C-alpha atoms as a PDB file:
ATOM      1  CA  MET A   1     -87.146  39.930  43.808  1.00  0.00           C
ATOM      2  CA  LYS A   2     -85.478  36.817  45.114  1.00  0.00           C
ATOM      3  CA  ASN A   3     -86.842  34.818  42.180  1.00  0.00           C
ATOM      4  CA  PHE A   4     -85.395  37.361  39.733  1.00  0.00           C
ATOM      5  CA  LYS A   5     -81.952  37.112  41.288  1.00  0.00           C
ATOM      6  CA  TYR A   6     -82.079  33.325  41.091  1.00  0.00           C
ATOM      7  CA  PHE A   7     -83.074  33.478  37.435  1.00  0.00           C
ATOM      8  CA  PHE A   8     -80.215  35.883  36.635  1.00  0.00           C
ATOM      9  CA  VAL A   9     -77.606  33.644  38.298  1.00  0.00           C
ATOM     10  CA  CYS A  10     -78.860  30.581  36.387  1.00  0.00           C
ATOM     11  CA  VAL A  11     -78.685  32.380  33.054  1.00  0.00           C
ATOM     12  CA  LEU A  12     -75.127  33.599  33.770  1.00  0.00           C
ATOM     13  CA  TYR A  13     -73.979  30.074  34.719  1.00  0.00           C
ATOM     14  CA  LEU A  14     -75.465  28.572  31.568  1.00  0.00           C
ATOM     15  CA  ASN A  15     -73.696  31.210  29.446  1.00  0.00           C
ATOM     16  CA  ILE A  16     -70.354  30.382  31.046  1.00  0.00           C
ATOM     17  CA  LEU A  17     -70.838  26.679  30.386  1.00  0.00           C
ATOM     18  CA  GLY A  18     -71.764  27.444  26.821  1.00  0.00           C
ATOM     19  CA  CYS A  19     -68.585  29.461  26.257  1.00  0.00           C
ATOM     20  CA  GLN A  20     -66.400  26.664  27.677  1.00  0.00           C
ATOM     21  CA  SER A  21     -67.927  24.142  25.325  1.00  0.00           C
ATOM     22  CA  CYS A  22     -67.242  26.523  22.468  1.00  0.00           C
ATOM     23  CA  ASN A  23     -63.480  26.207  23.158  1.00  0.00           C
ATOM     24  CA  LYS A  24     -63.498  22.447  22.599  1.00  0.00           C
ATOM     25  CA  LYS A  25     -62.281  21.265  19.115  1.00  0.00           C
ATOM     26  CA  ASP A  26     -64.682  19.367  17.010  1.00  0.00           C
ATOM     27  CA  PRO A  27     -62.661  16.636  15.176  1.00  0.00           C
ATOM     28  CA  ALA A  28     -65.040  16.810  12.285  1.00  0.00           C
ATOM     29  CA  LEU A  29     -64.625  20.559  11.929  1.00  0.00           C
ATOM     30  CA  ASP A  30     -60.923  20.959  12.946  1.00  0.00           C
ATOM     31  CA  PRO A  31     -58.880  17.694  12.211  1.00  0.00           C
ATOM     32  CA  GLU A  32     -55.211  17.062  13.279  1.00  0.00           C
ATOM     33  CA  PRO A  33     -52.570  17.958  10.617  1.00  0.00           C
ATOM     34  CA  VAL A  34     -51.695  15.003   8.358  1.00  0.00           C
ATOM     35  CA  LYS A  35     -48.033  13.895   8.569  1.00  0.00           C
ATOM     36  CA  ILE A  36     -46.182  13.797   5.285  1.00  0.00           C
ATOM     37  CA  PHE A  37     -43.698  11.007   4.562  1.00  0.00           C
ATOM     38  CA  HIS A  38     -41.156  10.579   1.790  1.00  0.00           C
ATOM     39  CA  THR A  39     -39.698   7.375   0.413  1.00  0.00           C
ATOM     40  CA  VAL A  40     -35.923   7.054   0.565  1.00  0.00           C
ATOM     41  CA  THR A  41     -34.504   4.254  -1.574  1.00  0.00           C
ATOM     42  CA  VAL A  42     -30.911   3.077  -1.083  1.00  0.00           C
ATOM     43  CA  LEU A  43     -29.383   1.155  -3.966  1.00  0.00           C
ATOM     44  CA  PRO A  44     -26.393  -0.849  -2.659  1.00  0.00           C
ATOM     45  CA  CYS A  45     -23.527  -2.271  -4.679  1.00  0.00           C
ATOM     46  CA  ASP A  46     -20.953  -5.048  -4.551  1.00  0.00           C
ATOM     47  CA  GLY A  47     -18.069  -4.636  -2.137  1.00  0.00           C
ATOM     48  CA  VAL A  48     -19.815  -2.072   0.093  1.00  0.00           C
ATOM     49  CA  THR A  49     -21.783  -2.843   3.259  1.00  0.00           C
ATOM     50  CA  VAL A  50     -24.744  -0.544   4.052  1.00  0.00           C
ATOM     51  CA  SER A  51     -26.450  -0.259   7.427  1.00  0.00           C
ATOM     52  CA  PRO A  52     -29.170  -0.243   8.489  1.00  0.00           C
ATOM     53  CA  ILE A  53     -30.409  -3.004   6.177  1.00  0.00           C
ATOM     54  CA  LEU A  54     -33.650  -1.744   4.646  1.00  0.00           C
ATOM     55  CA  PRO A  55     -36.507  -4.061   3.564  1.00  0.00           C
ATOM     56  CA  ASN A  56     -36.764  -3.806  -0.206  1.00  0.00           C
ATOM     57  CA  ASN A  57     -33.926  -1.231  -0.023  1.00  0.00           C
ATOM     58  CA  SER A  58     -36.296   1.585   1.019  1.00  0.00           C
ATOM     59  CA  THR A  59     -37.765   3.339   4.054  1.00  0.00           C
ATOM     60  CA  ARG A  60     -40.293   6.099   4.831  1.00  0.00           C
ATOM     61  CA  VAL A  61     -38.989   9.293   6.436  1.00  0.00           C
ATOM     62  CA  GLU A  62     -41.204  12.016   7.864  1.00  0.00           C
ATOM     63  CA  ASP A  63     -41.012  15.357   6.084  1.00  0.00           C
ATOM     64  CA  GLY A  64     -38.175  17.449   7.476  1.00  0.00           C
ATOM     65  CA  LYS A  65     -36.623  14.617   9.439  1.00  0.00           C
ATOM     66  CA  SER A  66     -33.051  13.468   8.865  1.00  0.00           C
ATOM     67  CA  PHE A  67     -31.902  10.159   7.428  1.00  0.00           C
ATOM     68  CA  SER A  68     -28.468   8.574   7.703  1.00  0.00           C
ATOM     69  CA  ILE A  69     -26.628   5.465   6.580  1.00  0.00           C
ATOM     70  CA  ASP A  70     -23.259   3.928   7.428  1.00  0.00           C
ATOM     71  CA  LEU A  71     -21.108   2.495   4.670  1.00  0.00           C
ATOM     72  CA  ASN A  72     -18.002   0.368   4.772  1.00  0.00           C
ATOM     73  CA  SER A  73     -15.773  -1.103   2.064  1.00  0.00           C
ATOM     74  CA  GLY A  74     -12.638  -3.221   2.084  1.00  0.00           C
ATOM     75  CA  PRO A  75      -9.294  -1.842   0.879  1.00  0.00           C
ATOM     76  CA  ASN A  76      -9.852  -3.292  -2.593  1.00  0.00           C
ATOM     77  CA  LYS A  77     -13.043  -1.297  -3.199  1.00  0.00           C
ATOM     78  CA  ARG A  78     -13.939   2.369  -3.149  1.00  0.00           C
ATOM     79  CA  TYR A  79     -17.323   4.015  -3.627  1.00  0.00           C
ATOM     80  CA  LYS A  80     -19.158   7.246  -4.268  1.00  0.00           C
ATOM     81  CA  ILE A  81     -22.717   8.333  -3.342  1.00  0.00           C
ATOM     82  CA  LEU A  82     -25.323   9.883  -5.616  1.00  0.00           C
ATOM     83  CA  SER A  83     -28.528  11.425  -4.285  1.00  0.00           C
ATOM     84  CA  SER A  84     -31.181  11.511  -7.009  1.00  0.00           C
ATOM     85  CA  GLY A  85     -28.425  11.482  -9.620  1.00  0.00           C
ATOM     86  CA  VAL A  86     -26.241  14.171  -8.007  1.00  0.00           C
ATOM     87  CA  VAL A  87     -22.815  13.176  -6.603  1.00  0.00           C
ATOM     88  CA  VAL A  88     -22.736  14.052  -2.897  1.00  0.00           C
ATOM     89  CA  ALA A  89     -19.615  12.072  -1.886  1.00  0.00           C
ATOM     90  CA  ASP A  90     -16.786  11.269  -4.277  1.00  0.00           C
ATOM     91  CA  TYR A  91     -14.858   7.997  -4.387  1.00  0.00           C
ATOM     92  CA  ARG A  92     -13.459   6.916  -1.030  1.00  0.00           C
ATOM     93  CA  THR A  93     -12.445   3.728   0.787  1.00  0.00           C
ATOM     94  CA  GLY A  94     -13.219   2.475   4.278  1.00  0.00           C
ATOM     95  CA  SER A  95     -15.988   3.605   6.649  1.00  0.00           C
ATOM     96  CA  PHE A  96     -18.203   6.596   5.918  1.00  0.00           C
ATOM     97  CA  TYR A  97     -21.291   8.203   7.500  1.00  0.00           C
ATOM     98  CA  TYR A  98     -23.750   9.896   5.138  1.00  0.00           C
ATOM     99  CA  LEU A  99     -26.505  12.181   6.480  1.00  0.00           C
ATOM    100  CA  VAL A 100     -29.471  13.839   4.756  1.00  0.00           C
ATOM    101  CA  PRO A 101     -30.310  16.529   7.361  1.00  0.00           C
ATOM    102  CA  SER A 102     -33.843  17.355   6.160  1.00  0.00           C
ATOM    103  CA  VAL A 103     -35.748  15.065   3.803  1.00  0.00           C
ATOM    104  CA  LYS A 104     -38.188  17.143   1.737  1.00  0.00           C
ATOM    105  CA  THR A 105     -38.892  14.814  -1.180  1.00  0.00           C
ATOM    106  CA  ASP A 106     -38.558  11.230  -2.312  1.00  0.00           C
ATOM    107  CA  LEU A 107     -34.882  10.314  -2.726  1.00  0.00           C
ATOM    108  CA  ASN A 108     -32.923   7.665  -4.571  1.00  0.00           C
ATOM    109  CA  ILE A 109     -29.518   7.212  -2.946  1.00  0.00           C
ATOM    110  CA  GLN A 110     -27.248   5.262  -5.258  1.00  0.00           C
ATOM    111  CA  ILE A 111     -23.936   3.779  -4.149  1.00  0.00           C
ATOM    112  CA  MET A 112     -21.447   3.095  -6.911  1.00  0.00           C
ATOM    113  CA  SER A 113     -18.237   1.134  -6.366  1.00  0.00           C
ATOM    114  CA  GLU A 114     -15.128   0.336  -8.325  1.00  0.00           C
ATOM    115  CA  THR A 115     -12.045  -1.752  -7.723  1.00  0.00           C
ATOM    116  CA  VAL A 116      -9.091   0.181  -6.318  1.00  0.00           C
ATOM    117  CA  THR A 117      -6.231   0.267  -8.826  1.00  0.00           C
ATOM    118  CA  TYR A 118      -2.659   1.502  -8.840  1.00  0.00           C
ATOM    119  CA  THR A 119      -0.201   2.429 -11.548  1.00  0.00           C
ATOM    120  CA  VAL A 120       3.149   0.675 -11.675  1.00  0.00           C
ATOM    121  CA  THR A 121       5.835   2.170 -13.900  1.00  0.00           C
ATOM    122  CA  ALA A 122       9.155   0.603 -14.817  1.00  0.00           C
ATOM    123  CA  SER A 123      12.314   1.920 -16.437  1.00  0.00           C
ATOM    124  CA  ALA A 124      15.616   0.411 -17.525  1.00  0.00           C
ATOM    125  CA  GLY A 125      19.073   1.919 -17.599  1.00  0.00           C
ATOM    126  CA  THR A 126      21.558   1.536 -20.419  1.00  0.00           C
ATOM    127  CA  GLY A 127      22.264  -2.072 -21.266  1.00  0.00           C
ATOM    128  CA  GLY A 128      18.885  -3.790 -21.204  1.00  0.00           C
ATOM    129  CA  THR A 129      15.096  -3.640 -21.226  1.00  0.00           C
ATOM    130  CA  VAL A 130      12.225  -4.222 -18.827  1.00  0.00           C
ATOM    131  CA  THR A 131       8.559  -4.894 -19.617  1.00  0.00           C
ATOM    132  CA  PRO A 132       5.876  -3.847 -18.972  1.00  0.00           C
ATOM    133  CA  LEU A 133       6.761  -0.156 -18.716  1.00  0.00           C
ATOM    134  CA  SER A 134       3.450   1.106 -17.326  1.00  0.00           C
ATOM    135  CA  THR A 135       0.620  -1.017 -15.998  1.00  0.00           C
ATOM    136  CA  VAL A 136      -2.584  -0.454 -14.031  1.00  0.00           C
ATOM    137  CA  VAL A 137      -3.164  -3.262 -11.533  1.00  0.00           C
ATOM    138  CA  GLU A 138      -5.820  -4.052  -8.949  1.00  0.00           C
ATOM    139  CA  TYR A 139      -5.224  -3.724  -5.227  1.00  0.00           C
ATOM    140  CA  GLY A 140      -3.198  -6.635  -3.834  1.00  0.00           C
ATOM    141  CA  SER A 141      -2.086  -7.917  -7.254  1.00  0.00           C
ATOM    142  CA  ASP A 142       1.307  -9.334  -8.198  1.00  0.00           C
ATOM    143  CA  LEU A 143       3.037  -8.019 -11.314  1.00  0.00           C
ATOM    144  CA  PRO A 144       5.916  -9.892 -13.022  1.00  0.00           C
ATOM    145  CA  PHE A 145       8.570  -8.012 -15.002  1.00  0.00           C
ATOM    146  CA  ASN A 146      10.580  -9.508 -17.836  1.00  0.00           C
ATOM    147  CA  ILE A 147      14.138  -8.207 -17.773  1.00  0.00           C
ATOM    148  CA  THR A 148      16.559  -8.697 -20.664  1.00  0.00           C
ATOM    149  CA  GLU A 149      20.239  -7.726 -20.765  1.00  0.00           C
ATOM    150  CA  ASN A 150      21.951  -6.582 -23.936  1.00  0.00           C
ATOM    151  CA  ALA A 151      25.123  -8.292 -25.084  1.00  0.00           C
ATOM    152  CA  GLU A 152      28.058  -7.625 -22.716  1.00  0.00           C
ATOM    153  CA  TYR A 153      25.736  -6.203 -20.038  1.00  0.00           C
ATOM    154  CA  THR A 154      24.553  -7.741 -16.785  1.00  0.00           C
ATOM    155  CA  LEU A 155      21.573  -6.914 -14.584  1.00  0.00           C
ATOM    156  CA  THR A 156      23.109  -5.422 -11.454  1.00  0.00           C
ATOM    157  CA  SER A 157      20.306  -3.611  -9.606  1.00  0.00           C
ATOM    158  CA  ILE A 158      16.554  -3.601  -9.072  1.00  0.00           C
ATOM    159  CA  LYS A 159      15.005  -0.808  -7.042  1.00  0.00           C
ATOM    160  CA  VAL A 160      11.385  -0.415  -5.970  1.00  0.00           C
ATOM    161  CA  ASN A 161      10.506   3.164  -5.049  1.00  0.00           C
ATOM    162  CA  GLY A 162      14.209   3.866  -4.687  1.00  0.00           C
ATOM    163  CA  VAL A 163      14.937   0.909  -2.377  1.00  0.00           C
ATOM    164  CA  SER A 164      17.204  -1.906  -3.578  1.00  0.00           C
ATOM    165  CA  VAL A 165      15.745  -5.417  -3.626  1.00  0.00           C
ATOM    166  CA  ALA A 166      17.223  -8.817  -4.360  1.00  0.00           C
ATOM    167  CA  ILE A 167      18.064  -9.358  -8.041  1.00  0.00           C
ATOM    168  CA  VAL A 168      15.960 -12.134  -9.557  1.00  0.00           C
ATOM    169  CA  LYS A 169      14.655 -12.834 -13.054  1.00  0.00           C
ATOM    170  CA  PRO A 170      11.849 -12.493 -13.732  1.00  0.00           C
ATOM    171  CA  TYR A 171      11.245 -10.016 -10.948  1.00  0.00           C
ATOM    172  CA  VAL A 172       7.757 -10.085  -9.381  1.00  0.00           C
ATOM    173  CA  LEU A 173       6.376  -7.079  -7.507  1.00  0.00           C
ATOM    174  CA  LYS A 174       4.003  -8.654  -4.984  1.00  0.00           C
ATOM    175  CA  ASN A 175       0.910  -7.463  -3.111  1.00  0.00           C
ATOM    176  CA  ILE A 176       0.728  -4.022  -4.701  1.00  0.00           C
ATOM    177  CA  THR A 177      -1.065  -1.533  -2.430  1.00  0.00           C
ATOM    178  CA  ALA A 178       0.233   1.791  -3.779  1.00  0.00           C
ATOM    179  CA  ASN A 179       1.536   3.416  -6.939  1.00  0.00           C
ATOM    180  CA  SER A 180       5.016   2.004  -7.472  1.00  0.00           C
ATOM    181  CA  ASP A 181       8.155   2.672  -9.487  1.00  0.00           C
ATOM    182  CA  VAL A 182      10.531  -0.102 -10.533  1.00  0.00           C
ATOM    183  CA  GLN A 183      13.993   0.721 -11.859  1.00  0.00           C
ATOM    184  CA  VAL A 184      16.438  -1.829 -13.233  1.00  0.00           C
ATOM    185  CA  GLY A 185      20.104  -1.135 -13.827  1.00  0.00           C
ATOM    186  CA  PHE A 186      22.713  -2.853 -15.957  1.00  0.00           C
ATOM    187  CA  THR A 187      26.488  -2.698 -16.117  1.00  0.00           C
ATOM    188  CA  LEU A 188      28.999  -3.888 -18.643  1.00  0.00           C
ATOM    189  CA  THR A 189      29.891  -7.508 -18.099  1.00  0.00           C
ATOM    190  CA  ASN A 190      33.491  -6.613 -17.336  1.00  0.00           C
ATOM    191  CA  PHE A 191      32.296  -4.798 -14.215  1.00  0.00           C
ATOM    192  CA  LEU A 192      31.792  -8.250 -12.772  1.00  0.00           C
ATOM    193  CA  ILE A 193      35.565  -8.570 -12.890  1.00  0.00           C
ATOM    194  CA  LEU A 194      35.420  -6.053 -10.042  1.00  0.00           C
ATOM    195  CA  SER A 195      39.054  -4.949 -10.470  1.00  0.00           C
ATOM    196  CA  ASN A 196      41.505  -3.858 -13.122  1.00  0.00           C
ATOM    197  CA  GLY A 197      43.368  -7.145 -13.054  1.00  0.00           C
ATOM    198  CA  ALA A 198      46.240  -8.834 -11.250  1.00  0.00           C
ATOM    199  CA  ASP A 199      48.878  -6.457 -12.581  1.00  0.00           C
ATOM    200  CA  ASN A 200      46.928  -3.266 -11.912  1.00  0.00           C
ATOM    201  CA  LYS A 201      45.694  -2.981  -8.359  1.00  0.00           C
ATOM    202  CA  SER A 202      44.898   0.739  -8.436  1.00  0.00           C
ATOM    203  CA  ARG A 203      41.148   0.215  -7.980  1.00  0.00           C
ATOM    204  CA  TYR A 204      40.680  -2.191  -5.100  1.00  0.00           C
ATOM    205  CA  TRP A 205      37.631  -2.783  -2.933  1.00  0.00           C
ATOM    206  CA  LYS A 206      37.248  -2.210   0.799  1.00  0.00           C
ATOM    207  CA  MET A 207      34.689  -3.818   3.050  1.00  0.00           C
ATOM    208  CA  THR A 208      32.660  -1.135   4.851  1.00  0.00           C
ATOM    209  CA  LYS A 209      29.866  -2.930   6.716  1.00  0.00           C
ATOM    210  CA  GLU A 210      27.857  -6.078   7.299  1.00  0.00           C
ATOM    211  CA  GLU A 211      24.116  -5.896   7.861  1.00  0.00           C
ATOM    212  CA  TRP A 212      21.954  -8.659   9.294  1.00  0.00           C
ATOM    213  CA  TYR A 213      18.379  -9.462   8.263  1.00  0.00           C
ATOM    214  CA  ASP A 214      15.890 -12.048   9.454  1.00  0.00           C
ATOM    215  CA  VAL A 215      14.433 -14.748   7.207  1.00  0.00           C
ATOM    216  CA  ASN A 216      11.819 -12.239   5.930  1.00  0.00           C
ATOM    217  CA  HIS A 217      14.529  -9.725   4.978  1.00  0.00           C
ATOM    218  CA  VAL A 218      13.600  -7.432   7.869  1.00  0.00           C
ATOM    219  CA  TYR A 219      16.661  -5.463   9.006  1.00  0.00           C
ATOM    220  CA  GLU A 220      18.041  -6.485  12.419  1.00  0.00           C
ATOM    221  CA  TYR A 221      21.392  -4.779  13.037  1.00  0.00           C
ATOM    222  CA  THR A 222      24.753  -3.745  11.559  1.00  0.00           C
ATOM    223  CA  SER A 223      27.906  -5.573  12.619  1.00  0.00           C
ATOM    224  CA  ILE A 224      30.947  -3.838  14.060  1.00  0.00           C
ATOM    225  CA  LEU A 225      33.582  -5.237  11.744  1.00  0.00           C
ATOM    226  CA  ASN A 226      37.000  -6.459  12.667  1.00  0.00           C
ATOM    227  CA  PRO A 227      39.383  -3.512  11.989  1.00  0.00           C
ATOM    228  CA  VAL A 228      41.511  -5.811   9.849  1.00  0.00           C
ATOM    229  CA  LEU A 229      38.611  -6.364   7.446  1.00  0.00           C
ATOM    230  CA  LEU A 230      38.180  -2.609   7.108  1.00  0.00           C
ATOM    231  CA  THR A 231      41.770  -2.108   5.948  1.00  0.00           C
ATOM    232  CA  ASP A 232      42.118  -5.129   3.664  1.00  0.00           C
ATOM    233  CA  LYS A 233      42.153  -4.582  -0.086  1.00  0.00           C
ATOM    234  CA  TRP A 234      39.947  -6.973  -2.044  1.00  0.00           C
ATOM    235  CA  TYR A 235      40.364  -7.987  -5.717  1.00  0.00           C
ATOM    236  CA  PHE A 236      38.307 -10.167  -8.034  1.00  0.00           C
ATOM    237  CA  TYR A 237      39.984 -11.279 -11.287  1.00  0.00           C
ATOM    238  CA  THR A 238      38.768 -12.496 -14.646  1.00  0.00           C
ATOM    239  CA  ASN A 239      40.324 -15.916 -14.110  1.00  0.00           C
ATOM    240  CA  GLY A 240      37.996 -16.522 -11.144  1.00  0.00           C
ATOM    241  CA  LYS A 241      40.555 -15.741  -8.498  1.00  0.00           C
ATOM    242  CA  MET A 242      39.843 -13.579  -5.453  1.00  0.00           C
ATOM    243  CA  GLU A 243      42.539 -12.110  -3.221  1.00  0.00           C
ATOM    244  CA  SER A 244      42.719  -9.946  -0.133  1.00  0.00           C
ATOM    245  CA  PHE A 245      45.838  -8.022   0.931  1.00  0.00           C
ATOM    246  CA  ASN A 246      46.459  -6.425   4.302  1.00  0.00           C
ATOM    247  CA  THR A 247      47.852  -2.925   4.779  1.00  0.00           C
ATOM    248  CA  ALA A 248      51.408  -4.275   4.483  1.00  0.00           C
ATOM    249  CA  GLY A 249      50.588  -5.733   1.079  1.00  0.00           C
ATOM    250  CA  VAL A 250      50.687  -9.298   2.356  1.00  0.00           C
ATOM    251  CA  LEU A 251      48.180 -11.767   0.898  1.00  0.00           C
ATOM    252  CA  ASP A 252      45.895 -12.876   3.753  1.00  0.00           C
ATOM    253  CA  ALA A 253      42.945 -14.367   1.830  1.00  0.00           C
ATOM    254  CA  ASN A 254      42.830 -16.436  -1.322  1.00  0.00           C
ATOM    255  CA  ASP A 255      39.698 -17.880  -2.856  1.00  0.00           C
ATOM    256  CA  VAL A 256      37.947 -18.839  -6.086  1.00  0.00           C
ATOM    257  CA  TRP A 257      34.801 -17.111  -7.314  1.00  0.00           C
ATOM    258  CA  ASN A 258      32.363 -17.819 -10.120  1.00  0.00           C
ATOM    259  CA  VAL A 259      29.394 -15.847 -11.469  1.00  0.00           C
ATOM    260  CA  LEU A 260      26.255 -17.880 -12.100  1.00  0.00           C
ATOM    261  CA  PRO A 261      22.949 -16.953 -13.818  1.00  0.00           C
ATOM    262  CA  THR A 262      20.570 -14.473 -12.113  1.00  0.00           C
ATOM    263  CA  ASN A 263      23.454 -12.700 -10.383  1.00  0.00           C
ATOM    264  CA  ILE A 264      24.446 -15.468  -8.031  1.00  0.00           C
ATOM    265  CA  PHE A 265      28.125 -15.987  -7.385  1.00  0.00           C
ATOM    266  CA  THR A 266      29.996 -18.547  -5.370  1.00  0.00           C
ATOM    267  CA  LEU A 267      33.213 -18.734  -3.442  1.00  0.00           C
ATOM    268  CA  SER A 268      35.337 -21.780  -2.622  1.00  0.00           C
ATOM    269  CA  SER A 269      34.094 -23.755  -5.619  1.00  0.00           C
ATOM    270  CA  GLY A 270      30.442 -23.405  -4.694  1.00  0.00           C
ATOM    271  CA  ASP A 271      30.647 -24.069  -0.957  1.00  0.00           C
ATOM    272  CA  ARG A 272      29.314 -20.582  -0.262  1.00  0.00           C
ATOM    273  CA  ILE A 273      26.584 -19.026  -2.401  1.00  0.00           C
ATOM    274  CA  TYR A 274      25.984 -15.269  -2.555  1.00  0.00           C
ATOM    275  CA  THR A 275      23.312 -13.108  -4.175  1.00  0.00           C
ATOM    276  CA  VAL A 276      24.338  -9.813  -5.752  1.00  0.00           C
ATOM    277  CA  ILE A 277      22.122  -7.078  -4.301  1.00  0.00           C
ATOM    278  CA  GLU A 278      23.784  -4.076  -5.943  1.00  0.00           C
ATOM    279  CA  LEU A 279      26.765  -3.669  -8.216  1.00  0.00           C
ATOM    280  CA  THR A 280      28.042  -0.435  -9.718  1.00  0.00           C
ATOM    281  CA  ASP A 281      31.461   0.921 -10.526  1.00  0.00           C
ATOM    282  CA  LYS A 282      31.675   2.195  -6.926  1.00  0.00           C
ATOM    283  CA  LYS A 283      29.576  -0.147  -4.807  1.00  0.00           C
ATOM    284  CA  PHE A 284      29.295  -3.916  -4.498  1.00  0.00           C
ATOM    285  CA  VAL A 285      26.669  -5.422  -2.162  1.00  0.00           C
ATOM    286  CA  TYR A 286      25.999  -9.121  -1.793  1.00  0.00           C
ATOM    287  CA  GLU A 287      24.329 -11.344   0.765  1.00  0.00           C
ATOM    288  CA  GLN A 288      24.463 -14.908   2.038  1.00  0.00           C
ATOM    289  CA  LYS A 289      21.673 -16.926   3.611  1.00  0.00           C
ATOM    290  CA  GLY A 290      22.451 -19.373   6.362  1.00  0.00           C
ATOM    291  CA  GLN A 291      22.069 -20.338  10.003  1.00  0.00           C
ATOM    292  CA  PHE A 292      24.418 -17.927  11.714  1.00  0.00           C
ATOM    293  CA  THR A 293      23.121 -17.386  15.248  1.00  0.00           C
ATOM    294  CA  LEU A 294      21.953 -20.303  17.405  1.00  0.00           C
ATOM    295  CA  GLY A 295      20.587 -22.123  14.391  1.00  0.00           C
ATOM    296  CA  VAL A 296      18.352 -19.201  13.324  1.00  0.00           C
ATOM    297  CA  THR A 297      18.139 -18.642   9.574  1.00  0.00           C
ATOM    298  CA  GLU A 298      19.339 -15.148   8.696  1.00  0.00           C
ATOM    299  CA  TYR A 299      20.849 -13.135   5.871  1.00  0.00           C
ATOM    300  CA  VAL A 300      24.166 -11.334   6.198  1.00  0.00           C
ATOM    301  CA  ARG A 301      24.655  -8.538   3.659  1.00  0.00           C
ATOM    302  CA  THR A 302      28.187  -7.302   2.945  1.00  0.00           C
ATOM    303  CA  THR A 303      29.053  -3.950   1.357  1.00  0.00           C
ATOM    304  CA  LEU A 304      32.305  -3.273  -0.510  1.00  0.00           C
ATOM    305  CA  VAL A 305      33.260   0.160  -1.840  1.00  0.00           C
ATOM    306  CA  ARG A 306      35.687   0.604  -4.720  1.00  0.00           C
ATOM    307  CA  GLN A 307      38.511   3.035  -4.007  1.00  0.00           C
END
């Protein structure tokens, strides 16, 4: 009886061991799943930096895993991204992060770039012409304009995006970084007389302000004018004479003026040189360059308004 019990226990133990061995995987019969990889190819282009840098412009990505790249371009370039021929990011400039969240197939990521361009338009008022009228230029370019006055007209204003600039011929719009609009204005030559003549003082000019700019034409401040200057009446005559009368009608300034090419005029027989900034029937703005404050080179811009 004891022998039978011992035999039964041995058989039971062997069966348990046999069942445990059955739970072990046999590599030959039940292998590990094979990982699937896809090839992602990144085709770079000029003017755009791509990171990470990929050997032979390609990498292997496990199925279902994400893949990302960082792109960066300078202000003169912009780019778009195509994934297997489909646009996934339209033209843009600067830094950009592109992510493929789940790679399921081989991909060709193509980066296309183009030079950033802007449109510059120009227009001329009555009395002259300006060319070119409309031009597409690359980022950072300079664009010269040829300005021609008709007979008996004078170039009296140049404005860029509505802001007056110094009158020069030819005018060059420099370092273009946005769409721009250039407007040139002309007035009849006799506007440069600036008054109705010595015997008709009904339309005089009054000084309204003086503005100060540094050597780079950056605005600094506006002067508080002497009250006498604000009440004086100024006249410029065809014979080259300039006069100023005080409120009592007494002559308190007498000078000689002369208009030179490119809207430069002088006073005191050329001792002082002024640039015409703006001249219309109502407004006369001119400036002088010199060392005014402690030897620092500055511009002082004077505004006269016709009454």
